[in-house]
N, C-alpha and C. Protein backbone atom coordinates (compact mmCIF):
# COMPACT_ATOMS: atom_id res chain seq x y z
N UNK A 1 164.96 -8.43 67.18
CA UNK A 1 165.42 -8.01 68.99
C UNK A 1 164.05 -7.07 68.91
N UNK A 2 163.07 -7.41 70.30
CA UNK A 2 162.53 -6.39 70.57
C UNK A 2 162.12 -5.12 70.65
N UNK A 3 161.18 -4.21 70.32
CA UNK A 3 161.72 -2.82 70.30
C UNK A 3 160.47 -2.48 71.66
N UNK A 4 160.96 -1.40 72.25
CA UNK A 4 160.15 -0.96 73.50
C UNK A 4 160.44 0.94 73.07
N UNK A 5 159.16 0.90 73.68
CA UNK A 5 159.17 2.69 73.65
C UNK A 5 159.05 3.52 75.03
N UNK A 6 160.01 4.42 74.71
CA UNK A 6 160.38 4.99 76.00
C UNK A 6 159.84 6.49 75.57
N UNK A 7 159.07 6.56 76.77
CA UNK A 7 158.05 8.41 77.63
C UNK A 7 159.15 8.85 78.51
N UNK A 8 159.45 10.20 77.91
CA UNK A 8 160.55 10.53 78.83
C UNK A 8 160.32 12.33 79.01
N UNK A 9 160.04 12.72 80.40
CA UNK A 9 159.26 14.21 80.92
C UNK A 9 160.88 14.18 81.50
N UNK A 10 161.45 15.84 80.68
CA UNK A 10 162.66 16.65 81.46
C UNK A 10 162.46 17.49 82.01
N UNK A 11 162.14 17.76 83.07
CA UNK A 11 161.65 18.96 84.19
C UNK A 11 163.10 19.80 85.00
N UNK A 12 162.82 21.50 85.48
CA UNK A 12 163.47 22.15 86.37
C UNK A 12 163.48 21.23 87.13
N UNK A 13 164.48 20.83 88.07
CA UNK A 13 164.93 20.63 90.08
C UNK A 13 163.75 21.85 90.46
N UNK A 14 162.69 21.43 91.43
CA UNK A 14 161.91 21.96 92.04
C UNK A 14 162.59 22.90 92.37
N UNK A 15 163.61 22.86 93.43
CA UNK A 15 164.36 24.12 94.16
C UNK A 15 164.83 24.81 93.39
N UNK A 16 164.51 25.17 91.63
CA UNK A 16 165.48 26.01 90.61
C UNK A 16 164.24 27.03 90.33
N UNK A 17 164.73 27.91 90.16
CA UNK A 17 163.99 28.76 89.54
C UNK A 17 163.51 28.54 87.69
N UNK A 18 162.21 28.68 87.64
CA UNK A 18 162.35 28.37 85.88
C UNK A 18 161.95 29.70 85.47
N UNK A 19 162.72 30.27 85.20
CA UNK A 19 162.41 31.54 84.10
C UNK A 19 161.05 31.43 82.92
N UNK A 20 161.38 30.12 82.29
CA UNK A 20 160.43 30.16 81.08
C UNK A 20 158.92 29.83 81.85
N UNK A 21 158.67 29.13 82.78
CA UNK A 21 157.54 28.73 83.26
C UNK A 21 157.04 30.22 84.47
N UNK A 22 158.26 30.93 85.32
CA UNK A 22 157.83 32.16 86.19
C UNK A 22 157.33 33.38 85.29
N UNK A 23 157.23 33.22 83.82
CA UNK A 23 157.02 34.29 82.52
C UNK A 23 155.69 33.59 82.23
N UNK A 24 155.04 32.78 82.55
CA UNK A 24 153.63 31.79 81.47
C UNK A 24 153.35 32.19 82.50
N UNK A 25 153.66 32.34 83.85
CA UNK A 25 152.83 32.10 85.14
C UNK A 25 152.26 33.52 85.00
N UNK A 26 153.26 34.64 84.95
CA UNK A 26 152.79 36.24 84.40
C UNK A 26 151.75 36.13 84.09
N UNK A 27 152.04 35.37 82.73
CA UNK A 27 151.23 35.98 81.72
C UNK A 27 149.84 35.61 81.44
N UNK A 28 149.82 34.31 82.60
CA UNK A 28 148.43 33.77 82.99
C UNK A 28 147.24 34.48 83.57
N UNK A 29 147.72 35.60 84.28
CA UNK A 29 147.09 36.51 84.60
C UNK A 29 146.26 37.70 83.86
N UNK A 30 146.85 38.02 82.70
CA UNK A 30 147.04 39.03 82.09
C UNK A 30 145.87 38.53 80.50
N UNK A 31 145.77 36.89 80.59
CA UNK A 31 144.43 36.66 79.61
C UNK A 31 143.09 36.21 80.33
N UNK A 32 143.36 36.38 82.00
CA UNK A 32 142.79 36.07 82.00
C UNK A 32 142.20 34.48 83.30
N UNK A 33 143.89 33.96 83.15
CA UNK A 33 143.38 32.88 83.82
C UNK A 33 144.55 32.95 85.08
N UNK A 34 143.78 33.88 86.26
CA UNK A 34 144.75 34.31 87.08
C UNK A 34 144.58 32.73 88.37
N UNK A 35 144.22 32.33 87.90
CA UNK A 35 143.70 30.72 88.67
C UNK A 35 145.00 29.62 88.50
N UNK A 36 145.50 30.10 87.83
CA UNK A 36 146.62 29.13 86.94
C UNK A 36 147.43 29.66 87.67
N UNK A 37 148.57 28.66 88.47
CA UNK A 37 149.40 29.31 89.33
C UNK A 37 150.63 27.63 88.64
N UNK A 38 152.31 28.60 89.45
CA UNK A 38 153.59 27.68 89.29
C UNK A 38 153.71 26.80 88.09
N UNK A 39 153.57 27.77 87.07
CA UNK A 39 153.63 26.95 86.15
C UNK A 39 155.09 26.45 85.81
N UNK A 40 155.44 25.03 85.00
CA UNK A 40 156.48 24.80 85.09
C UNK A 40 156.92 24.28 83.73
N UNK A 41 158.15 24.77 83.10
CA UNK A 41 158.27 24.12 81.91
C UNK A 41 159.72 23.27 81.49
N UNK A 42 159.25 21.58 80.86
CA UNK A 42 160.16 21.49 80.50
C UNK A 42 160.41 20.55 79.11
N UNK A 43 159.93 19.25 78.82
CA UNK A 43 160.45 19.14 77.95
C UNK A 43 160.16 17.35 77.85
N UNK A 44 159.30 17.03 76.61
CA UNK A 44 159.31 15.43 76.23
C UNK A 44 159.41 14.96 75.23
N UNK A 45 160.20 13.81 75.74
CA UNK A 45 160.59 12.89 74.58
C UNK A 45 160.23 11.54 74.34
N UNK A 46 160.23 11.09 73.45
CA UNK A 46 159.64 9.79 72.62
C UNK A 46 161.13 9.36 72.02
N UNK A 47 161.05 7.84 71.99
CA UNK A 47 162.18 7.15 71.87
C UNK A 47 162.02 6.07 71.40
N UNK A 48 162.58 4.59 70.85
CA UNK A 48 162.27 3.98 70.43
C UNK A 48 163.78 2.76 70.93
N UNK A 49 163.54 1.21 71.84
CA UNK A 49 165.05 1.76 71.90
C UNK A 49 164.29 -0.28 71.59
N UNK A 50 165.98 -0.67 70.74
CA UNK A 50 165.84 -2.23 70.56
C UNK A 50 166.56 -2.93 71.93
N UNK A 51 166.02 -4.30 72.46
CA UNK A 51 166.47 -4.28 73.24
C UNK A 51 166.01 -5.81 73.88
N UNK A 52 166.83 -6.76 74.30
CA UNK A 52 166.27 -7.53 74.56
C UNK A 52 165.10 -8.43 75.78
N UNK A 53 164.85 -7.61 76.59
CA UNK A 53 163.77 -7.25 77.74
C UNK A 53 163.58 -5.80 78.31
N UNK A 54 162.16 -5.56 78.68
CA UNK A 54 161.68 -4.54 79.05
C UNK A 54 162.49 -4.10 80.14
N UNK A 55 163.37 -4.57 81.20
CA UNK A 55 164.52 -4.23 81.81
C UNK A 55 165.73 -3.15 81.36
N UNK A 56 166.06 -4.16 80.16
CA UNK A 56 167.15 -3.45 79.21
C UNK A 56 167.36 -2.30 78.48
N UNK A 57 166.01 -2.74 77.84
CA UNK A 57 165.54 -1.10 77.56
C UNK A 57 165.43 -0.18 78.58
N UNK A 58 164.52 0.31 79.22
CA UNK A 58 164.78 0.79 80.81
C UNK A 58 166.19 1.33 81.04
N UNK A 59 166.81 0.38 81.20
CA UNK A 59 168.62 0.30 81.33
C UNK A 59 169.63 1.43 80.41
N UNK A 60 168.91 1.03 79.23
CA UNK A 60 169.33 1.87 78.26
C UNK A 60 168.63 2.95 77.72
N UNK A 61 167.51 3.53 78.11
CA UNK A 61 166.89 4.62 78.39
C UNK A 61 167.06 5.56 79.72
N UNK A 62 167.06 4.90 80.48
CA UNK A 62 167.80 5.97 81.71
C UNK A 62 169.57 6.34 81.65
N UNK A 63 170.41 5.75 80.33
CA UNK A 63 171.58 6.21 80.40
C UNK A 63 171.48 7.14 79.79
N UNK A 64 170.59 7.11 78.78
CA UNK A 64 170.25 8.21 77.80
C UNK A 64 169.90 9.37 78.17
N UNK A 65 169.13 9.25 79.64
CA UNK A 65 168.50 10.28 80.06
C UNK A 65 170.08 11.17 80.92
N UNK A 66 170.85 10.56 81.10
CA UNK A 66 171.94 10.19 81.82
C UNK A 66 173.04 11.34 81.41
N UNK A 67 173.25 10.72 80.64
CA UNK A 67 174.56 11.14 79.56
C UNK A 67 174.23 12.03 78.35
N UNK A 68 172.53 12.18 77.92
CA UNK A 68 172.40 13.86 77.37
C UNK A 68 171.12 14.38 77.14
N UNK A 69 170.14 13.52 77.82
CA UNK A 69 168.92 14.54 78.02
C UNK A 69 168.11 14.91 78.94
N UNK A 70 169.05 14.99 79.73
CA UNK A 70 168.67 15.79 80.60
C UNK A 70 170.82 16.09 80.80
N UNK A 71 170.17 17.19 81.75
CA UNK A 71 171.69 17.89 83.09
C UNK A 71 171.55 17.73 84.63
N UNK A 72 171.65 16.74 84.98
CA UNK A 72 171.59 16.38 86.51
C UNK A 72 171.60 17.50 87.79
N UNK A 73 172.36 18.75 87.22
CA UNK A 73 172.27 19.59 88.31
C UNK A 73 171.58 20.39 88.45
N UNK A 74 170.58 20.65 86.85
CA UNK A 74 169.32 21.53 87.22
C UNK A 74 168.09 20.68 86.54
N UNK A 75 167.97 19.34 86.07
CA UNK A 75 167.03 18.94 85.45
C UNK A 75 166.77 17.38 86.68
N UNK A 76 165.52 17.03 86.90
CA UNK A 76 165.38 15.65 87.04
C UNK A 76 164.93 14.80 85.23
N UNK A 77 164.54 13.99 85.48
CA UNK A 77 164.18 12.77 84.83
C UNK A 77 162.64 12.08 84.97
N UNK A 78 161.89 11.47 83.65
CA UNK A 78 160.99 10.08 84.36
C UNK A 78 160.69 9.74 83.05
N UNK A 79 160.70 8.45 83.44
CA UNK A 79 159.89 7.33 82.09
C UNK A 79 159.84 6.54 82.55
N UNK A 80 159.01 6.20 81.24
CA UNK A 80 158.16 4.56 81.50
C UNK A 80 159.03 3.88 79.60
N UNK A 81 158.27 3.05 80.50
CA UNK A 81 158.94 1.56 78.97
C UNK A 81 157.80 0.67 78.87
N UNK A 82 157.23 0.36 77.64
CA UNK A 82 156.79 -0.14 77.79
C UNK A 82 156.57 -0.70 75.87
N UNK A 83 156.45 -2.00 75.76
CA UNK A 83 156.46 -3.00 74.32
C UNK A 83 155.53 -1.97 73.13
N UNK A 84 156.97 -2.00 71.99
CA UNK A 84 156.21 -0.93 70.87
C UNK A 84 155.33 -1.89 70.26
N UNK A 85 154.48 -1.24 69.62
CA UNK A 85 153.64 -1.88 68.69
C UNK A 85 153.69 -1.69 67.04
């Protein structure tokens, strides 16, 4: 069965406060980088999916994001799928 690689970015919802990003934004001024603002911090996940098609792999990866890898109350996710090499 073919393998596909999923690249997933999970980020806090834009409407919610990101305390970690806010702290990093504040620290930018302290290190002379005041022109860097609005830092948002999330996570990046890579995984491999065995599936019969790219569409099936996309569906499985989305299911993993909705059920385990992200919290839809506080986060959103973006994912891309490509054939594994």
